Every structure is written in C-alpha cells, then in structure tokens.
Amino acid sequence: MRVFALSDVHADYAVNRAWLQALPAADYAANALILAGDVSDDLRRLRETLAALRAKFAEVFFVPGNHELWVRRRECADSMAKFRLVLDLCAELGVRTSPARVGSPGDAGVWVVPLFSWYVQPEEGSGSLFVPKAGEDPSLEMWADRYFTRWPGLGPGLSVADAFLRLNDAHVHRSYDAPVISFSHFLPRAELMARTREESAARRRPLPDRNPRFNFSRVAGCAGLEAQIRRLGPAIHLYGHQHRNRQRRIDGVLYVSHCLGYPSERESGHVDGVGDGPKLIWPRPQPDAA
C-alpha cells in the first residue's frame, strides 16, 4: 500500500472541490491518504469532502486544522466541543484520527500517527515559533481565529496548544513495530517557514509579500509538537497550515508539506508544485530531497 499526503484543501472553493473530485479513484483505491487539516469549518462541507475522499482511498487519516475549529456557524458553544464533533464525524465515516498500520500482505507496512496540535503565540510564553518581522501588526487584526475560535474552561495555566499536545501522549509514548509517519496540521519547527538558499535560487524573482503586516510565525505552531515528534522518531513528518509546499530533512526526519491552498495562491505562484494530486510519501521516492 502506498501513502499519499495532502493538506489545506479548503473545499469551500468550487475550484478546489473540482480538483478533489477529479482525483481518479482507480489510481488510489488500494492506497492511503493523509489529510493534514483545513478542509472546511462547515460541518456539512467537511462531511461531503471526507466522504468523497474515503470513497477514493482505502484509508484516510485526518487531523483538524484551525478552520475546522471555527464556531462562527454556531454548531457548538466552543472550539473544543467542535473538535470532539469533528472526531465523531470522522469515526462515523471511517476516517482515522488515531494511529494505525497500513501496508500490503507480506510486508511490515508503516504506522501512520496523527498528532493533534495548536500554535503558541509569543505572548503566551515559551514554545512559540515566533520570528520578528519588520512592520508587523502584533494585534493580528486580520487573523480569523481571533474572531471564530472560543476556548473556555481549559484549566488554570493550560494553553490551547498544551490541551491538544496532552491528547497525543499515549500515541507518542507507545512502541511501534514498523516505520512511522507522523502528521500534524501545525508546524513543529521555525526552520520550516523559511526557504532554503536552493529554493530561493530556483525562483527567477522573489514573490511579493501578500500580507506585509501579517507575521505568520505568531500562529505557525509550537515547539512542544517537535518534542513529541522527536520522542516518536518518525521517518517522515507531514504538516500543513503554511500554504507553502516544501520538503527537507532535518536531524534525520523528512518534513513534508503538500497543500492545495487557495486558488489565488496557486495563481500567484505562492503555492506551487501541487501537481495533479496528493504527494506520494511512502514508499519514499528516491532520492529524498534534502
């Protein structure tokens, strides 16, 4: 069984839905898909999209992104209740949100381990992936999570990121009898936000900053997620959220991002390398990109 990766499909856009619908079931029917969050905040749309992908793939793995936990449609009182509702929906559809081994008869296969996560903002203390940006707006007035997520009653001194990381403890501290692919929606390391020298050189001209006052690193992810990845020891870690498609090896782990993103981002070249479908990540194409 092969394993494919995808994230940030944002199925509220008709052109993105058409891209997903065009995936040929015959090419993927015996394979697994890892979908690293941000399908839709609309539960109806989320159900439709996950069900359609479940019909095309033998297995689908999913973790919610920040969009799934918006409560602007009033389905739930708060975002943690929405999170539980999303997990229930996945269970109903046969979409996996906990570890499972996939493979073909006669081989050891690979374990796919979902990791729930959120971001740590610099004002919240240690664990943020924050990198200063000249001219940024520290209030994040343009960031929709400020208006559409609610987190009451998490407990004294417990951040949103901590609450999600705790849900991973049992999966991180168990043993696995085959190679591991882990995945999260949010980023585990600050280095993943920057282009390498080779990536920058491959572009004829730098792309303009679409949002000069927005500093993505304030809401990128958290270092606690990286600590769990290191405890787990995966061969590959897939992440989303950033809307930049990259692949690089750091300290023995291959970090992969392969998102569909917004149509305007693909048109402008900010999201490139999408191709005609999800990215094959297992068995690993050779040679691995650095």
Protein backbone atom coordinates (compact mmCIF):
# COMPACT_ATOMS: atom_id res chain seq x y z
CA MET A 1 0.00 0.00 0.00
CA ARG A 2 1.28 3.45 -0.92
CA VAL A 3 0.74 6.51 1.27
CA PHE A 4 -0.10 9.93 -0.17
CA ALA A 5 -0.02 13.33 1.54
CA LEU A 6 -2.21 16.41 1.22
CA SER A 7 -3.36 19.35 3.35
CA ASP A 8 -5.24 22.64 3.28
CA VAL A 9 -7.66 21.69 0.54
CA HIS A 10 -10.13 24.46 1.53
CA ALA A 11 -13.12 22.81 -0.05
CA ASP A 12 -15.28 25.92 0.31
CA TYR A 13 -13.80 26.98 -3.04
CA ALA A 14 -15.55 25.40 -6.03
CA VAL A 15 -12.30 25.06 -8.00
CA ASN A 16 -10.73 23.17 -5.10
CA ARG A 17 -13.72 20.84 -4.87
CA ALA A 18 -13.41 20.19 -8.59
CA TRP A 19 -9.69 19.37 -8.14
CA LEU A 20 -10.57 16.83 -5.44
CA GLN A 21 -13.44 15.36 -7.43
CA ALA A 22 -11.10 14.87 -10.41
CA LEU A 23 -8.78 12.56 -8.47
CA PRO A 24 -9.16 9.21 -10.24
CA ALA A 25 -10.42 6.57 -7.80
CA ALA A 26 -8.75 3.83 -9.83
CA ASP A 27 -5.33 5.33 -9.07
CA TYR A 28 -5.84 5.47 -5.31
CA ALA A 29 -8.29 2.69 -4.40
CA ALA A 30 -5.61 0.47 -2.83
CA ASN A 31 -3.74 3.31 -1.11
CA ALA A 32 -3.88 5.57 1.93
CA LEU A 33 -4.27 9.35 2.15
CA ILE A 34 -3.01 11.55 4.99
CA LEU A 35 -5.00 14.79 5.08
CA ALA A 36 -3.38 17.30 7.44
CA GLY A 37 -6.29 19.62 8.19
CA ASP A 38 -8.13 22.67 6.85
CA VAL A 39 -10.91 21.22 4.73
CA SER A 40 -13.75 23.50 5.92
CA ASP A 41 -15.30 24.99 9.04
CA ASP A 42 -18.70 23.97 7.65
CA LEU A 43 -19.52 20.51 9.02
CA ARG A 44 -21.71 19.72 6.02
CA ARG A 45 -18.90 20.54 3.62
CA LEU A 46 -16.40 18.67 5.78
CA ARG A 47 -18.63 15.58 5.75
CA GLU A 48 -19.06 15.72 1.97
CA THR A 49 -15.33 16.11 1.33
CA LEU A 50 -14.16 13.43 3.74
CA ALA A 51 -16.80 11.01 2.46
CA ALA A 52 -15.73 11.64 -1.16
CA LEU A 53 -12.06 11.03 -0.32
CA ARG A 54 -12.95 7.97 1.76
CA ALA A 55 -14.63 6.56 -1.35
CA LYS A 56 -11.45 7.05 -3.41
CA PHE A 57 -8.85 5.74 -0.92
CA ALA A 58 -8.57 2.50 1.03
CA GLU A 59 -7.68 4.53 4.15
CA VAL A 60 -7.95 8.21 5.03
CA PHE A 61 -6.19 9.76 8.05
CA PHE A 62 -7.13 13.25 9.26
CA VAL A 63 -6.41 15.83 11.94
CA PRO A 64 -8.47 19.03 12.25
CA GLY A 65 -6.82 22.32 11.34
CA ASN A 66 -7.72 25.70 12.72
CA HIS A 67 -10.54 26.18 10.19
CA GLU A 68 -12.34 23.05 11.38
CA LEU A 69 -12.47 24.51 14.90
CA TRP A 70 -14.12 27.80 13.98
CA VAL A 71 -17.56 28.17 15.57
CA ARG A 72 -18.90 31.03 13.50
CA ARG A 73 -21.82 28.86 12.32
CA ARG A 74 -22.96 28.26 15.91
CA GLU A 75 -22.93 24.45 15.66
CA CYS A 76 -21.12 24.32 19.00
CA ALA A 77 -20.65 26.51 22.03
CA ASP A 78 -16.85 26.43 21.80
CA SER A 79 -13.97 25.13 19.70
CA MET A 80 -13.12 22.15 21.89
CA ALA A 81 -16.71 20.94 21.57
CA LYS A 82 -16.37 21.41 17.79
CA PHE A 83 -13.15 19.37 17.88
CA ARG A 84 -14.99 16.46 19.53
CA LEU A 85 -17.80 16.76 16.99
CA VAL A 86 -15.27 16.56 14.14
CA LEU A 87 -13.72 13.42 15.65
CA ASP A 88 -17.19 11.86 15.93
CA LEU A 89 -17.85 12.69 12.29
CA CYS A 90 -14.58 11.05 11.26
CA ALA A 91 -15.42 7.91 13.24
CA GLU A 92 -18.80 7.74 11.53
CA LEU A 93 -17.18 7.98 8.08
CA GLY A 94 -14.35 5.54 8.80
CA VAL A 95 -11.72 8.29 8.65
CA ARG A 96 -8.87 7.56 11.06
CA THR A 97 -7.80 10.08 13.71
CA SER A 98 -5.67 7.67 15.77
CA PRO A 99 -2.62 5.54 14.88
CA ALA A 100 -2.99 2.60 12.50
CA ARG A 101 -0.63 0.45 10.49
CA VAL A 102 -1.15 0.29 6.74
CA GLY A 103 0.53 -1.99 4.26
CA SER A 104 0.18 -4.82 1.83
CA PRO A 105 0.08 -8.52 2.71
CA GLY A 106 3.57 -9.80 3.34
CA ASP A 107 5.26 -6.52 4.24
CA ALA A 108 5.75 -4.75 7.56
CA GLY A 109 3.94 -1.67 6.31
CA VAL A 110 4.13 1.67 8.04
CA TRP A 111 2.42 3.20 11.05
CA VAL A 112 0.57 6.48 10.47
CA VAL A 113 0.35 8.51 13.68
CA PRO A 114 -1.87 11.62 13.83
CA LEU A 115 -0.73 14.38 16.21
CA PHE A 116 -3.22 16.99 17.37
CA SER A 117 -1.80 20.46 17.77
CA TRP A 118 -2.31 24.21 18.01
CA TYR A 119 0.03 27.21 18.00
CA VAL A 120 1.71 29.14 20.79
CA GLN A 121 1.76 32.91 20.31
CA PRO A 122 4.85 34.78 21.58
CA GLU A 123 2.83 36.46 24.34
CA GLU A 124 1.90 33.04 25.72
CA GLY A 125 5.46 32.23 26.79
CA SER A 126 7.91 29.55 25.77
CA GLY A 127 7.21 27.19 22.92
CA SER A 128 6.33 29.75 20.26
CA LEU A 129 7.89 29.58 16.79
CA PHE A 130 7.86 33.39 16.64
CA VAL A 131 10.37 35.18 14.41
CA PRO A 132 10.18 39.03 14.42
CA LYS A 133 9.06 40.73 11.20
CA ALA A 134 9.58 44.39 10.38
CA GLY A 135 6.32 46.36 10.17
CA GLU A 136 4.14 43.55 11.50
CA ASP A 137 0.82 44.06 13.25
CA PRO A 138 1.19 42.29 16.63
CA SER A 139 -2.55 42.52 17.26
CA LEU A 140 -3.26 40.06 14.41
CA GLU A 141 -6.38 42.00 13.49
CA MET A 142 -6.54 40.16 10.16
CA TRP A 143 -6.34 36.67 11.72
CA ALA A 144 -9.74 34.95 11.63
CA ASP A 145 -9.02 32.66 14.60
CA ARG A 146 -9.26 35.75 16.84
CA TYR A 147 -12.95 36.02 15.98
CA PHE A 148 -14.08 32.49 15.21
CA THR A 149 -12.49 30.28 17.92
CA ARG A 150 -13.51 30.06 21.58
CA TRP A 151 -11.58 28.23 24.30
CA PRO A 152 -13.35 28.40 27.67
CA GLY A 153 -12.53 26.18 30.62
CA LEU A 154 -9.20 24.68 29.56
CA GLY A 155 -7.88 24.80 33.13
CA PRO A 156 -5.52 27.09 35.05
CA GLY A 157 -2.32 27.82 33.14
CA LEU A 158 -3.22 25.41 30.32
CA SER A 159 -2.79 26.82 26.83
CA VAL A 160 -4.74 25.61 23.81
CA ALA A 161 -1.54 24.04 22.46
CA ASP A 162 -0.96 22.20 25.76
CA ALA A 163 -4.50 20.84 25.72
CA PHE A 164 -4.00 19.28 22.30
CA LEU A 165 -0.49 18.00 22.96
CA ARG A 166 -1.79 16.13 26.01
CA LEU A 167 -4.14 14.20 23.74
CA ASN A 168 -1.09 12.79 21.92
CA ASP A 169 0.70 11.42 25.00
CA ALA A 170 -0.43 7.81 24.69
CA HIS A 171 0.45 7.68 20.98
CA VAL A 172 3.86 9.28 21.48
CA HIS A 173 4.97 7.01 24.32
CA ARG A 174 3.99 3.66 22.83
CA SER A 175 6.16 1.33 20.74
CA TYR A 176 5.68 0.72 17.01
CA ASP A 177 6.82 -2.38 15.15
CA ALA A 178 7.26 -0.72 11.74
CA PRO A 179 8.46 2.66 10.43
CA VAL A 180 6.35 5.66 11.48
CA ILE A 181 4.88 8.57 9.53
CA SER A 182 3.52 11.25 11.85
CA PHE A 183 1.48 14.25 10.82
CA SER A 184 0.01 17.44 12.24
CA HIS A 185 -1.73 20.49 10.89
CA PHE A 186 0.59 22.99 12.57
CA LEU A 187 4.34 23.42 12.16
CA PRO A 188 6.77 21.90 14.67
CA ARG A 189 9.89 23.93 13.78
CA ALA A 190 10.65 27.54 12.87
CA GLU A 191 13.12 26.47 10.16
CA LEU A 192 10.25 25.14 8.07
CA MET A 193 8.93 28.66 7.49
CA ALA A 194 11.98 29.89 5.57
CA ARG A 195 13.02 28.97 2.06
CA THR A 196 16.40 27.32 1.71
CA ARG A 197 19.06 29.02 -0.41
CA GLU A 198 18.44 26.45 -3.15
CA GLU A 199 14.68 27.08 -3.13
CA SER A 200 15.21 30.83 -3.36
CA ALA A 201 17.72 30.44 -6.18
CA ALA A 202 15.25 28.32 -8.15
CA ARG A 203 12.93 31.32 -8.48
CA ARG A 204 13.72 33.87 -11.16
CA ARG A 205 12.37 36.67 -8.97
CA PRO A 206 11.12 36.79 -5.39
CA LEU A 207 7.36 36.84 -4.91
CA PRO A 208 5.86 39.93 -3.25
CA ASP A 209 4.64 39.64 0.34
CA ARG A 210 0.86 39.25 0.08
CA ASN A 211 0.28 40.50 3.63
CA PRO A 212 3.17 42.72 4.77
CA ARG A 213 1.71 43.35 8.22
CA PHE A 214 0.86 39.70 8.93
CA ASN A 215 3.54 37.68 10.72
CA PHE A 216 2.68 34.03 10.17
CA SER A 217 5.22 32.88 12.75
CA ARG A 218 2.95 34.20 15.52
CA VAL A 219 0.45 31.46 14.71
CA ALA A 220 2.61 28.85 12.98
CA GLY A 221 2.82 26.06 15.56
CA CYS A 222 4.71 25.15 18.70
CA ALA A 223 7.98 23.63 19.88
CA GLY A 224 6.12 21.13 22.05
CA LEU A 225 4.98 19.40 18.89
CA GLU A 226 8.59 18.96 17.78
CA ALA A 227 9.43 17.44 21.17
CA GLN A 228 6.71 14.85 20.61
CA ILE A 229 7.97 14.14 17.10
CA ARG A 230 11.46 13.52 18.45
CA ARG A 231 10.06 11.18 21.13
CA LEU A 232 8.13 9.31 18.45
CA GLY A 233 11.05 9.07 16.00
CA PRO A 234 9.21 9.04 12.65
CA ALA A 235 10.85 8.62 9.28
CA ILE A 236 8.58 11.33 7.88
CA HIS A 237 6.51 14.11 9.38
CA LEU A 238 3.80 15.74 7.27
CA TYR A 239 2.45 19.16 8.22
CA GLY A 240 0.07 21.76 6.75
CA HIS A 241 -1.13 25.27 7.65
CA GLN A 242 1.68 27.21 5.99
CA HIS A 243 0.37 27.08 2.41
CA ARG A 244 3.88 26.53 1.11
CA ASN A 245 4.95 23.22 -0.45
CA ARG A 246 8.34 22.10 0.80
CA GLN A 247 10.36 19.00 1.62
CA ARG A 248 13.51 18.95 3.71
CA ARG A 249 15.40 16.62 6.01
CA ILE A 250 16.32 17.91 9.48
CA ASP A 251 18.13 15.75 12.04
CA GLY A 252 17.06 12.51 10.38
CA VAL A 253 13.37 13.34 9.84
CA LEU A 254 11.96 14.20 6.42
CA TYR A 255 9.49 17.10 6.85
CA VAL A 256 6.94 17.37 4.05
CA SER A 257 4.30 19.98 3.24
CA HIS A 258 1.98 19.42 0.27
CA CYS A 259 -1.07 21.68 0.31
CA LEU A 260 -3.65 22.70 -2.27
CA GLY A 261 -4.13 26.14 -0.72
CA TYR A 262 -6.32 28.96 -2.00
CA PRO A 263 -6.90 29.37 -5.76
CA SER A 264 -5.38 32.87 -5.64
CA GLU A 265 -2.20 31.47 -4.07
CA ARG A 266 -1.76 28.96 -6.87
CA GLU A 267 -2.41 31.63 -9.49
CA SER A 268 0.17 33.97 -7.95
CA GLY A 269 2.79 31.23 -7.53
CA HIS A 270 2.84 31.40 -3.73
CA VAL A 271 1.62 27.79 -3.67
CA ASP A 272 3.42 25.76 -6.32
CA GLY A 273 4.28 22.15 -7.02
CA VAL A 274 0.73 20.94 -6.35
CA GLY A 275 0.58 18.83 -9.48
CA ASP A 276 -2.46 16.75 -10.30
CA GLY A 277 -2.92 15.09 -6.94
CA PRO A 278 -1.60 14.25 -3.49
CA LYS A 279 2.12 13.67 -2.98
CA LEU A 280 3.47 10.13 -2.73
CA ILE A 281 5.48 9.89 0.50
CA TRP A 282 5.64 6.11 1.13
CA PRO A 283 7.39 4.09 -0.12
CA ARG A 284 9.75 7.06 -0.19
CA PRO A 285 10.68 8.21 -3.69
CA GLN A 286 14.43 8.07 -4.17
CA PRO A 287 16.44 10.08 -3.64
CA ASP A 288 14.90 12.05 -0.76
CA ALA A 289 15.10 15.79 -1.18
CA ALA A 290 17.31 17.45 1.43
